[in-house]
Amino acid sequence: IKRGRLEVDVKLDLHGMRQDEAQRALNGFLRRAQASGAKVAIVVTGKGLSREEGGVLRRVVPMWLQAPALRDVVVSFGEAARHHGGEGALYVRIRRADRVRS
């Protein structure tokens, strides 16, 4: 993805959301993206106010993406390229709906 070989299909910006609101938005967004056939998403978390600590969402979104609740949706994820937000955004590869394990 980072090398530009895959197209980004959908984007979610979590700026300004509280954690509970952002988690609900992320879960719903990724499930809708999967249902619509999207393969790659960008999730913008922001970099946070402090470069040392980073933002809250920047720290917790990777944990949410690895959690059992999204295991049937998320194949993998990683930091976005600079032109897509760099360390303030993540690429998320989405599992095809017909490949979801029961």
PDB file of N, CA and C in Angstrom:
ATOM      1  N   ILE A   1       0.841  -1.190   0.000  1.00  0.00           N
ATOM      2  CA  ILE A   1       0.000   0.000   0.000  1.00  0.00           C
ATOM      3  C   ILE A   1       0.876   1.240   0.000  1.00  0.00           C
ATOM      4  N   LYS A   2       1.851   1.261   0.893  1.00  0.00           N
ATOM      5  CA  LYS A   2       2.688   2.444   1.069  1.00  0.00           C
ATOM      6  C   LYS A   2       3.416   2.834  -0.212  1.00  0.00           C
ATOM      7  N   ARG A   3       3.675   1.866  -1.061  1.00  0.00           N
ATOM      8  CA  ARG A   3       4.382   2.140  -2.313  1.00  0.00           C
ATOM      9  C   ARG A   3       3.439   2.620  -3.403  1.00  0.00           C
ATOM     10  N   GLY A   4       2.139   2.707  -3.092  1.00  0.00           N
ATOM     11  CA  GLY A   4       1.186   3.213  -4.061  1.00  0.00           C
ATOM     12  C   GLY A   4       0.673   2.180  -5.042  1.00  0.00           C
ATOM     13  N   ARG A   5       0.833   0.921  -4.718  1.00  0.00           N
ATOM     14  CA  ARG A   5       0.398  -0.140  -5.628  1.00  0.00           C
ATOM     15  C   ARG A   5      -1.077  -0.472  -5.488  1.00  0.00           C
ATOM     16  N   LEU A   6      -1.672  -0.143  -4.370  1.00  0.00           N
ATOM     17  CA  LEU A   6      -3.095  -0.374  -4.167  1.00  0.00           C
ATOM     18  C   LEU A   6      -3.813   0.964  -4.045  1.00  0.00           C
ATOM     19  N   GLU A   7      -5.010   1.017  -4.577  1.00  0.00           N
ATOM     20  CA  GLU A   7      -5.819   2.232  -4.488  1.00  0.00           C
ATOM     21  C   GLU A   7      -6.553   2.273  -3.157  1.00  0.00           C
ATOM     22  N   VAL A   8      -6.682   3.447  -2.607  1.00  0.00           N
ATOM     23  CA  VAL A   8      -7.470   3.636  -1.399  1.00  0.00           C
ATOM     24  C   VAL A   8      -8.925   3.799  -1.825  1.00  0.00           C
ATOM     25  N   ASP A   9      -9.797   2.980  -1.244  1.00  0.00           N
ATOM     26  CA  ASP A   9     -11.206   2.975  -1.622  1.00  0.00           C
ATOM     27  C   ASP A   9     -12.056   3.916  -0.776  1.00  0.00           C
ATOM     28  N   VAL A  10     -11.779   3.992   0.527  1.00  0.00           N
ATOM     29  CA  VAL A  10     -12.605   4.782   1.440  1.00  0.00           C
ATOM     30  C   VAL A  10     -11.733   5.433   2.509  1.00  0.00           C
ATOM     31  N   LYS A  11     -12.270   6.478   3.120  1.00  0.00           N
ATOM     32  CA  LYS A  11     -11.511   7.227   4.135  1.00  0.00           C
ATOM     33  C   LYS A  11     -12.422   7.588   5.301  1.00  0.00           C
ATOM     34  N   LEU A  12     -11.880   7.490   6.504  1.00  0.00           N
ATOM     35  CA  LEU A  12     -12.580   7.896   7.726  1.00  0.00           C
ATOM     36  C   LEU A  12     -11.671   8.832   8.499  1.00  0.00           C
ATOM     37  N   ASP A  13     -12.198   9.986   8.882  1.00  0.00           N
ATOM     38  CA  ASP A  13     -11.444  10.957   9.675  1.00  0.00           C
ATOM     39  C   ASP A  13     -12.018  10.986  11.081  1.00  0.00           C
ATOM     40  N   LEU A  14     -11.221  10.601  12.066  1.00  0.00           N
ATOM     41  CA  LEU A  14     -11.661  10.528  13.459  1.00  0.00           C
ATOM     42  C   LEU A  14     -11.324  11.777  14.274  1.00  0.00           C
ATOM     43  N   HIS A  15     -10.756  12.795  13.620  1.00  0.00           N
ATOM     44  CA  HIS A  15     -10.402  14.042  14.325  1.00  0.00           C
ATOM     45  C   HIS A  15     -11.576  14.551  15.142  1.00  0.00           C
ATOM     46  N   GLY A  16     -11.294  14.971  16.368  1.00  0.00           N
ATOM     47  CA  GLY A  16     -12.294  15.622  17.200  1.00  0.00           C
ATOM     48  C   GLY A  16     -13.279  14.695  17.878  1.00  0.00           C
ATOM     49  N   MET A  17     -13.159  13.388  17.673  1.00  0.00           N
ATOM     50  CA  MET A  17     -14.088  12.449  18.312  1.00  0.00           C
ATOM     51  C   MET A  17     -13.544  11.976  19.646  1.00  0.00           C
ATOM     52  N   ARG A  18     -14.464  11.682  20.564  1.00  0.00           N
ATOM     53  CA  ARG A  18     -14.090  11.042  21.826  1.00  0.00           C
ATOM     54  C   ARG A  18     -13.835   9.559  21.529  1.00  0.00           C
ATOM     55  N   GLN A  19     -13.156   8.884  22.445  1.00  0.00           N
ATOM     56  CA  GLN A  19     -12.797   7.487  22.207  1.00  0.00           C
ATOM     57  C   GLN A  19     -14.001   6.604  21.921  1.00  0.00           C
ATOM     58  N   ASP A  20     -15.056   6.694  22.724  1.00  0.00           N
ATOM     59  CA  ASP A  20     -16.214   5.827  22.513  1.00  0.00           C
ATOM     60  C   ASP A  20     -16.886   6.116  21.175  1.00  0.00           C
ATOM     61  N   GLU A  21     -16.982   7.382  20.836  1.00  0.00           N
ATOM     62  CA  GLU A  21     -17.567   7.800  19.562  1.00  0.00           C
ATOM     63  C   GLU A  21     -16.703   7.310  18.394  1.00  0.00           C
ATOM     64  N   ALA A  22     -15.387   7.451  18.525  1.00  0.00           N
ATOM     65  CA  ALA A  22     -14.458   7.040  17.468  1.00  0.00           C
ATOM     66  C   ALA A  22     -14.484   5.526  17.269  1.00  0.00           C
ATOM     67  N   GLN A  23     -14.581   4.767  18.347  1.00  0.00           N
ATOM     68  CA  GLN A  23     -14.600   3.312  18.224  1.00  0.00           C
ATOM     69  C   GLN A  23     -15.871   2.842  17.513  1.00  0.00           C
ATOM     70  N   ARG A  24     -17.006   3.418  17.853  1.00  0.00           N
ATOM     71  CA  ARG A  24     -18.253   3.071  17.162  1.00  0.00           C
ATOM     72  C   ARG A  24     -18.174   3.454  15.686  1.00  0.00           C
ATOM     73  N   ALA A  25     -17.644   4.648  15.415  1.00  0.00           N
ATOM     74  CA  ALA A  25     -17.518   5.114  14.033  1.00  0.00           C
ATOM     75  C   ALA A  25     -16.603   4.188  13.231  1.00  0.00           C
ATOM     76  N   LEU A  26     -15.479   3.798  13.813  1.00  0.00           N
ATOM     77  CA  LEU A  26     -14.521   2.922  13.138  1.00  0.00           C
ATOM     78  C   LEU A  26     -15.143   1.562  12.827  1.00  0.00           C
ATOM     79  N   ASN A  27     -15.778   0.951  13.816  1.00  0.00           N
ATOM     80  CA  ASN A  27     -16.387  -0.364  13.611  1.00  0.00           C
ATOM     81  C   ASN A  27     -17.442  -0.319  12.511  1.00  0.00           C
ATOM     82  N   GLY A  28     -18.338   0.647  12.576  1.00  0.00           N
ATOM     83  CA  GLY A  28     -19.385   0.763  11.568  1.00  0.00           C
ATOM     84  C   GLY A  28     -18.828   1.050  10.185  1.00  0.00           C
ATOM     85  N   PHE A  29     -17.868   1.959  10.132  1.00  0.00           N
ATOM     86  CA  PHE A  29     -17.236   2.331   8.865  1.00  0.00           C
ATOM     87  C   PHE A  29     -16.584   1.125   8.196  1.00  0.00           C
ATOM     88  N   LEU A  30     -15.792   0.356   8.957  1.00  0.00           N
ATOM     89  CA  LEU A  30     -15.089  -0.782   8.368  1.00  0.00           C
ATOM     90  C   LEU A  30     -16.055  -1.881   7.934  1.00  0.00           C
ATOM     91  N   ARG A  31     -17.105  -2.100   8.682  1.00  0.00           N
ATOM     92  CA  ARG A  31     -18.099  -3.113   8.291  1.00  0.00           C
ATOM     93  C   ARG A  31     -18.855  -2.692   7.028  1.00  0.00           C
ATOM     94  N   ARG A  32     -19.192  -1.412   6.938  1.00  0.00           N
ATOM     95  CA  ARG A  32     -19.847  -0.911   5.714  1.00  0.00           C
ATOM     96  C   ARG A  32     -18.896  -0.982   4.525  1.00  0.00           C
ATOM     97  N   ALA A  33     -17.628  -0.634   4.760  1.00  0.00           N
ATOM     98  CA  ALA A  33     -16.630  -0.693   3.691  1.00  0.00           C
ATOM     99  C   ALA A  33     -16.480  -2.125   3.191  1.00  0.00           C
ATOM    100  N   GLN A  34     -16.438  -3.073   4.098  1.00  0.00           N
ATOM    101  CA  GLN A  34     -16.326  -4.479   3.719  1.00  0.00           C
ATOM    102  C   GLN A  34     -17.551  -4.915   2.910  1.00  0.00           C
ATOM    103  N   ALA A  35     -18.743  -4.540   3.371  1.00  0.00           N
ATOM    104  CA  ALA A  35     -19.976  -4.914   2.685  1.00  0.00           C
ATOM    105  C   ALA A  35     -20.043  -4.332   1.273  1.00  0.00           C
ATOM    106  N   SER A  36     -19.422  -3.156   1.089  1.00  0.00           N
ATOM    107  CA  SER A  36     -19.452  -2.513  -0.227  1.00  0.00           C
ATOM    108  C   SER A  36     -18.321  -2.986  -1.141  1.00  0.00           C
ATOM    109  N   GLY A  37     -17.450  -3.862  -0.635  1.00  0.00           N
ATOM    110  CA  GLY A  37     -16.376  -4.406  -1.461  1.00  0.00           C
ATOM    111  C   GLY A  37     -15.076  -3.628  -1.423  1.00  0.00           C
ATOM    112  N   ALA A  38     -14.945  -2.672  -0.520  1.00  0.00           N
ATOM    113  CA  ALA A  38     -13.697  -1.905  -0.410  1.00  0.00           C
ATOM    114  C   ALA A  38     -12.552  -2.825   0.009  1.00  0.00           C
ATOM    115  N   LYS A  39     -11.362  -2.542  -0.512  1.00  0.00           N
ATOM    116  CA  LYS A  39     -10.184  -3.347  -0.183  1.00  0.00           C
ATOM    117  C   LYS A  39      -9.221  -2.621   0.751  1.00  0.00           C
ATOM    118  N   VAL A  40      -9.122  -1.304   0.578  1.00  0.00           N
ATOM    119  CA  VAL A  40      -8.181  -0.508   1.366  1.00  0.00           C
ATOM    120  C   VAL A  40      -8.866   0.755   1.861  1.00  0.00           C
ATOM    121  N   ALA A  41      -8.677   1.030   3.147  1.00  0.00           N
ATOM    122  CA  ALA A  41      -9.228   2.240   3.755  1.00  0.00           C
ATOM    123  C   ALA A  41      -8.096   3.050   4.381  1.00  0.00           C
ATOM    124  N   ILE A  42      -8.331   4.342   4.499  1.00  0.00           N
ATOM    125  CA  ILE A  42      -7.447   5.194   5.292  1.00  0.00           C
ATOM    126  C   ILE A  42      -8.252   5.642   6.499  1.00  0.00           C
ATOM    127  N   VAL A  43      -7.653   5.488   7.675  1.00  0.00           N
ATOM    128  CA  VAL A  43      -8.263   5.957   8.910  1.00  0.00           C
ATOM    129  C   VAL A  43      -7.352   7.039   9.468  1.00  0.00           C
ATOM    130  N   VAL A  44      -7.859   8.264   9.522  1.00  0.00           N
ATOM    131  CA  VAL A  44      -7.091   9.400  10.014  1.00  0.00           C
ATOM    132  C   VAL A  44      -7.341   9.547  11.512  1.00  0.00           C
ATOM    133  N   THR A  45      -6.264   9.439  12.284  1.00  0.00           N
ATOM    134  CA  THR A  45      -6.364   9.575  13.735  1.00  0.00           C
ATOM    135  C   THR A  45      -5.868  10.932  14.203  1.00  0.00           C
ATOM    136  N   GLY A  46      -5.048  11.571  13.406  1.00  0.00           N
ATOM    137  CA  GLY A  46      -4.370  12.790  13.829  1.00  0.00           C
ATOM    138  C   GLY A  46      -3.096  12.420  14.560  1.00  0.00           C
ATOM    139  N   LYS A  47      -2.224  13.375  14.716  1.00  0.00           N
ATOM    140  CA  LYS A  47      -0.929  13.123  15.351  1.00  0.00           C
ATOM    141  C   LYS A  47      -0.941  13.442  16.840  1.00  0.00           C
ATOM    142  N   GLY A  48      -1.944  14.161  17.291  1.00  0.00           N
ATOM    143  CA  GLY A  48      -1.983  14.561  18.694  1.00  0.00           C
ATOM    144  C   GLY A  48      -1.308  15.894  18.898  1.00  0.00           C
ATOM    145  N   LEU A  49      -1.524  16.466  20.060  1.00  0.00           N
ATOM    146  CA  LEU A  49      -0.982  17.791  20.360  1.00  0.00           C
ATOM    147  C   LEU A  49       0.496  17.744  20.721  1.00  0.00           C
ATOM    148  N   SER A  50       0.926  16.645  21.320  1.00  0.00           N
ATOM    149  CA  SER A  50       2.309  16.529  21.754  1.00  0.00           C
ATOM    150  C   SER A  50       3.024  15.475  20.912  1.00  0.00           C
ATOM    151  N   ARG A  51       4.144  15.834  20.318  1.00  0.00           N
ATOM    152  CA  ARG A  51       4.887  14.871  19.489  1.00  0.00           C
ATOM    153  C   ARG A  51       5.452  13.731  20.335  1.00  0.00           C
ATOM    154  N   GLU A  52       5.756  14.005  21.607  1.00  0.00           N
ATOM    155  CA  GLU A  52       6.321  12.969  22.465  1.00  0.00           C
ATOM    156  C   GLU A  52       5.273  11.911  22.817  1.00  0.00           C
ATOM    157  N   GLU A  53       4.082  12.360  23.194  1.00  0.00           N
ATOM    158  CA  GLU A  53       3.049  11.439  23.641  1.00  0.00           C
ATOM    159  C   GLU A  53       2.160  10.963  22.518  1.00  0.00           C
ATOM    160  N   GLY A  54       1.956  11.783  21.513  1.00  0.00           N
ATOM    161  CA  GLY A  54       1.025  11.433  20.449  1.00  0.00           C
ATOM    162  C   GLY A  54      -0.403  11.583  20.930  1.00  0.00           C
ATOM    163  N   GLY A  55      -1.333  11.458  20.023  1.00  0.00           N
ATOM    164  CA  GLY A  55      -2.732  11.593  20.376  1.00  0.00           C
ATOM    165  C   GLY A  55      -3.301  10.313  20.949  1.00  0.00           C
ATOM    166  N   VAL A  56      -4.394  10.451  21.675  1.00  0.00           N
ATOM    167  CA  VAL A  56      -5.060   9.294  22.271  1.00  0.00           C
ATOM    168  C   VAL A  56      -5.523   8.339  21.171  1.00  0.00           C
ATOM    169  N   LEU A  57      -6.193   8.864  20.151  1.00  0.00           N
ATOM    170  CA  LEU A  57      -6.696   7.996  19.083  1.00  0.00           C
ATOM    171  C   LEU A  57      -5.548   7.333  18.329  1.00  0.00           C
ATOM    172  N   ARG A  58      -4.475   8.052  18.166  1.00  0.00           N
ATOM    173  CA  ARG A  58      -3.309   7.482  17.474  1.00  0.00           C
ATOM    174  C   ARG A  58      -2.781   6.257  18.223  1.00  0.00           C
ATOM    175  N   ARG A  59      -2.914   6.270  19.541  1.00  0.00           N
ATOM    176  CA  ARG A  59      -2.450   5.132  20.350  1.00  0.00           C
ATOM    177  C   ARG A  59      -3.467   3.996  20.407  1.00  0.00           C
ATOM    178  N   VAL A  60      -4.764   4.313  20.482  1.00  0.00           N
ATOM    179  CA  VAL A  60      -5.757   3.256  20.707  1.00  0.00           C
ATOM    180  C   VAL A  60      -6.319   2.622  19.433  1.00  0.00           C
ATOM    181  N   VAL A  61      -6.352   3.348  18.318  1.00  0.00           N
ATOM    182  CA  VAL A  61      -6.923   2.784  17.090  1.00  0.00           C
ATOM    183  C   VAL A  61      -6.198   1.500  16.673  1.00  0.00           C
ATOM    184  N   PRO A  62      -4.863   1.427  16.710  1.00  0.00           N
ATOM    185  CA  PRO A  62      -4.214   0.152  16.368  1.00  0.00           C
ATOM    186  C   PRO A  62      -4.674  -1.011  17.269  1.00  0.00           C
ATOM    187  N   MET A  63      -4.918  -0.743  18.533  1.00  0.00           N
ATOM    188  CA  MET A  63      -5.414  -1.792  19.430  1.00  0.00           C
ATOM    189  C   MET A  63      -6.808  -2.250  19.010  1.00  0.00           C
ATOM    190  N   TRP A  64      -7.658  -1.297  18.629  1.00  0.00           N
ATOM    191  CA  TRP A  64      -8.998  -1.651  18.169  1.00  0.00           C
ATOM    192  C   TRP A  64      -8.940  -2.480  16.902  1.00  0.00           C
ATOM    193  N   LEU A  65      -8.033  -2.124  15.988  1.00  0.00           N
ATOM    194  CA  LEU A  65      -7.930  -2.842  14.721  1.00  0.00           C
ATOM    195  C   LEU A  65      -7.452  -4.285  14.909  1.00  0.00           C
ATOM    196  N   GLN A  66      -6.729  -4.545  15.995  1.00  0.00           N
ATOM    197  CA  GLN A  66      -6.231  -5.891  16.290  1.00  0.00           C
ATOM    198  C   GLN A  66      -7.188  -6.702  17.148  1.00  0.00           C
ATOM    199  N   ALA A  67      -8.213  -6.065  17.681  1.00  0.00           N
ATOM    200  CA  ALA A  67      -9.125  -6.712  18.622  1.00  0.00           C
ATOM    201  C   ALA A  67      -9.989  -7.766  17.934  1.00  0.00           C
ATOM    202  N   PRO A  68     -10.441  -8.763  18.702  1.00  0.00           N
ATOM    203  CA  PRO A  68     -11.302  -9.816  18.140  1.00  0.00           C
ATOM    204  C   PRO A  68     -12.549  -9.287  17.430  1.00  0.00           C
ATOM    205  N   ALA A  69     -13.077  -8.151  17.854  1.00  0.00           N
ATOM    206  CA  ALA A  69     -14.298  -7.596  17.257  1.00  0.00           C
ATOM    207  C   ALA A  69     -14.137  -7.269  15.776  1.00  0.00           C
ATOM    208  N   LEU A  70     -12.910  -6.980  15.334  1.00  0.00           N
ATOM    209  CA  LEU A  70     -12.676  -6.630  13.925  1.00  0.00           C
ATOM    210  C   LEU A  70     -11.838  -7.662  13.183  1.00  0.00           C
ATOM    211  N   ARG A  71     -11.598  -8.790  13.805  1.00  0.00           N
ATOM    212  CA  ARG A  71     -10.755  -9.813  13.181  1.00  0.00           C
ATOM    213  C   ARG A  71     -11.340 -10.317  11.854  1.00  0.00           C
ATOM    214  N   ASP A  72     -12.669 -10.307  11.741  1.00  0.00           N
ATOM    215  CA  ASP A  72     -13.295 -10.775  10.505  1.00  0.00           C
ATOM    216  C   ASP A  72     -13.346  -9.694   9.426  1.00  0.00           C
ATOM    217  N   VAL A  73     -12.861  -8.495   9.747  1.00  0.00           N
ATOM    218  CA  VAL A  73     -12.886  -7.382   8.795  1.00  0.00           C
ATOM    219  C   VAL A  73     -11.479  -6.948   8.383  1.00  0.00           C
ATOM    220  N   VAL A  74     -10.571  -6.859   9.328  1.00  0.00           N
ATOM    221  CA  VAL A  74      -9.233  -6.298   9.090  1.00  0.00           C
ATOM    222  C   VAL A  74      -8.225  -7.398   8.772  1.00  0.00           C
ATOM    223  N   VAL A  75      -7.572  -7.270   7.615  1.00  0.00           N
ATOM    224  CA  VAL A  75      -6.495  -8.186   7.241  1.00  0.00           C
ATOM    225  C   VAL A  75      -5.196  -7.704   7.877  1.00  0.00           C
ATOM    226  N   SER A  76      -4.891  -6.415   7.693  1.00  0.00           N
ATOM    227  CA  SER A  76      -3.674  -5.820   8.228  1.00  0.00           C
ATOM    228  C   SER A  76      -3.814  -4.307   8.207  1.00  0.00           C
ATOM    229  N   PHE A  77      -2.861  -3.639   8.845  1.00  0.00           N
ATOM    230  CA  PHE A  77      -2.845  -2.174   8.837  1.00  0.00           C
ATOM    231  C   PHE A  77      -1.427  -1.692   9.056  1.00  0.00           C
ATOM    232  N   GLY A  78      -1.185  -0.437   8.664  1.00  0.00           N
ATOM    233  CA  GLY A  78       0.131   0.153   8.848  1.00  0.00           C
ATOM    234  C   GLY A  78       0.075   1.653   8.634  1.00  0.00           C
ATOM    235  N   GLU A  79       1.142   2.316   9.020  1.00  0.00           N
ATOM    236  CA  GLU A  79       1.218   3.769   8.898  1.00  0.00           C
ATOM    237  C   GLU A  79       1.087   4.198   7.439  1.00  0.00           C
ATOM    238  N   ALA A  80       0.358   5.257   7.229  1.00  0.00           N
ATOM    239  CA  ALA A  80       0.135   5.781   5.877  1.00  0.00           C
ATOM    240  C   ALA A  80       1.372   6.517   5.363  1.00  0.00           C
ATOM    241  N   ALA A  81       1.452   6.618   4.052  1.00  0.00           N
ATOM    242  CA  ALA A  81       2.504   7.413   3.422  1.00  0.00           C
ATOM    243  C   ALA A  81       2.280   8.889   3.760  1.00  0.00           C
ATOM    244  N   ARG A  82       3.314   9.673   3.664  1.00  0.00           N
ATOM    245  CA  ARG A  82       3.250  11.093   4.028  1.00  0.00           C
ATOM    246  C   ARG A  82       2.110  11.817   3.322  1.00  0.00           C
ATOM    247  N   HIS A  83       1.911  11.558   2.025  1.00  0.00           N
ATOM    248  CA  HIS A  83       0.871  12.273   1.285  1.00  0.00           C
ATOM    249  C   HIS A  83      -0.545  11.874   1.706  1.00  0.00           C
ATOM    250  N   HIS A  84      -0.670  10.809   2.492  1.00  0.00           N
ATOM    251  CA  HIS A  84      -1.972  10.404   3.032  1.00  0.00           C
ATOM    252  C   HIS A  84      -2.086  10.685   4.539  1.00  0.00           C
ATOM    253  N   GLY A  85      -1.155  11.409   5.108  1.00  0.00           N
ATOM    254  CA  GLY A  85      -1.241  11.752   6.523  1.00  0.00           C
ATOM    255  C   GLY A  85      -0.118  11.205   7.370  1.00  0.00           C
ATOM    256  N   GLY A  86       0.728  10.372   6.796  1.00  0.00           N
ATOM    257  CA  GLY A  86       1.889   9.861   7.528  1.00  0.00           C
ATOM    258  C   GLY A  86       1.521   9.227   8.850  1.00  0.00           C
ATOM    259  N   GLU A  87       2.232   9.625   9.896  1.00  0.00           N
ATOM    260  CA  GLU A  87       2.027   9.010  11.207  1.00  0.00           C
ATOM    261  C   GLU A  87       0.688   9.371  11.841  1.00  0.00           C
ATOM    262  N   GLY A  88      -0.071  10.245  11.225  1.00  0.00           N
ATOM    263  CA  GLY A  88      -1.402  10.605  11.732  1.00  0.00           C
ATOM    264  C   GLY A  88      -2.524   9.854  11.037  1.00  0.00           C
ATOM    265  N   ALA A  89      -2.156   8.820  10.253  1.00  0.00           N
ATOM    266  CA  ALA A  89      -3.175   8.045   9.536  1.00  0.00           C
ATOM    267  C   ALA A  89      -2.690   6.614   9.350  1.00  0.00           C
ATOM    268  N   LEU A  90      -3.632   5.717   9.151  1.00  0.00           N
ATOM    269  CA  LEU A  90      -3.323   4.302   8.960  1.00  0.00           C
ATOM    270  C   LEU A  90      -3.993   3.782   7.701  1.00  0.00           C
ATOM    271  N   TYR A  91      -3.272   2.951   6.977  1.00  0.00           N
ATOM    272  CA  TYR A  91      -3.892   2.183   5.904  1.00  0.00           C
ATOM    273  C   TYR A  91      -4.462   0.929   6.552  1.00  0.00           C
ATOM    274  N   VAL A  92      -5.658   0.542   6.147  1.00  0.00           N
ATOM    275  CA  VAL A  92      -6.275  -0.679   6.657  1.00  0.00           C
ATOM    276  C   VAL A  92      -6.676  -1.535   5.464  1.00  0.00           C
ATOM    277  N   ARG A  93      -6.143  -2.748   5.407  1.00  0.00           N
ATOM    278  CA  ARG A  93      -6.557  -3.700   4.364  1.00  0.00           C
ATOM    279  C   ARG A  93      -7.770  -4.447   4.879  1.00  0.00           C
ATOM    280  N   ILE A  94      -8.813  -4.493   4.058  1.00  0.00           N
ATOM    281  CA  ILE A  94     -10.096  -5.051   4.461  1.00  0.00           C
ATOM    282  C   ILE A  94     -10.293  -6.435   3.843  1.00  0.00           C
ATOM    283  N   ARG A  95     -10.698  -7.368   4.681  1.00  0.00           N
ATOM    284  CA  ARG A  95     -10.960  -8.739   4.243  1.00  0.00           C
ATOM    285  C   ARG A  95     -12.206  -8.762   3.362  1.00  0.00           C
ATOM    286  N   ARG A  96     -12.157  -9.518   2.276  1.00  0.00           N
ATOM    287  CA  ARG A  96     -13.332  -9.665   1.427  1.00  0.00           C
ATOM    288  C   ARG A  96     -14.449 -10.327   2.222  1.00  0.00           C
ATOM    289  N   ALA A  97     -15.660  -9.860   2.030  1.00  0.00           N
ATOM    290  CA  ALA A  97     -16.802 -10.376   2.785  1.00  0.00           C
ATOM    291  C   ALA A  97     -17.000 -11.870   2.553  1.00  0.00           C
ATOM    292  N   ASP A  98     -16.692 -12.345   1.362  1.00  0.00           N
ATOM    293  CA  ASP A  98     -16.878 -13.780   1.090  1.00  0.00           C
ATOM    294  C   ASP A  98     -15.740 -14.646   1.651  1.00  0.00           C
ATOM    295  N   ARG A  99     -14.757 -13.997   2.259  1.00  0.00           N
ATOM    296  CA  ARG A  99     -13.643 -14.732   2.866  1.00  0.00           C
ATOM    297  C   ARG A  99     -13.684 -14.712   4.390  1.00  0.00           C
ATOM    298  N   VAL A 100     -14.781 -14.242   4.941  1.00  0.00           N
ATOM    299  CA  VAL A 100     -14.909 -14.167   6.391  1.00  0.00           C
ATOM    300  C   VAL A 100     -15.106 -15.575   6.932  1.00  0.00           C
ATOM    301  N   ARG A 101     -14.290 -15.900   7.926  1.00  0.00           N
ATOM    302  CA  ARG A 101     -14.379 -17.240   8.558  1.00  0.00           C
ATOM    303  C   ARG A 101     -15.522 -17.242   9.539  1.00  0.00           C
ATOM    304  N   SER A 102     -16.261 -18.318   9.583  1.00  0.00           N
ATOM    305  CA  SER A 102     -17.393 -18.443  10.518  1.00  0.00           C
ATOM    306  C   SER A 102     -16.935 -18.917  11.858  1.00  0.00           C
TER     307      SER A 102
END
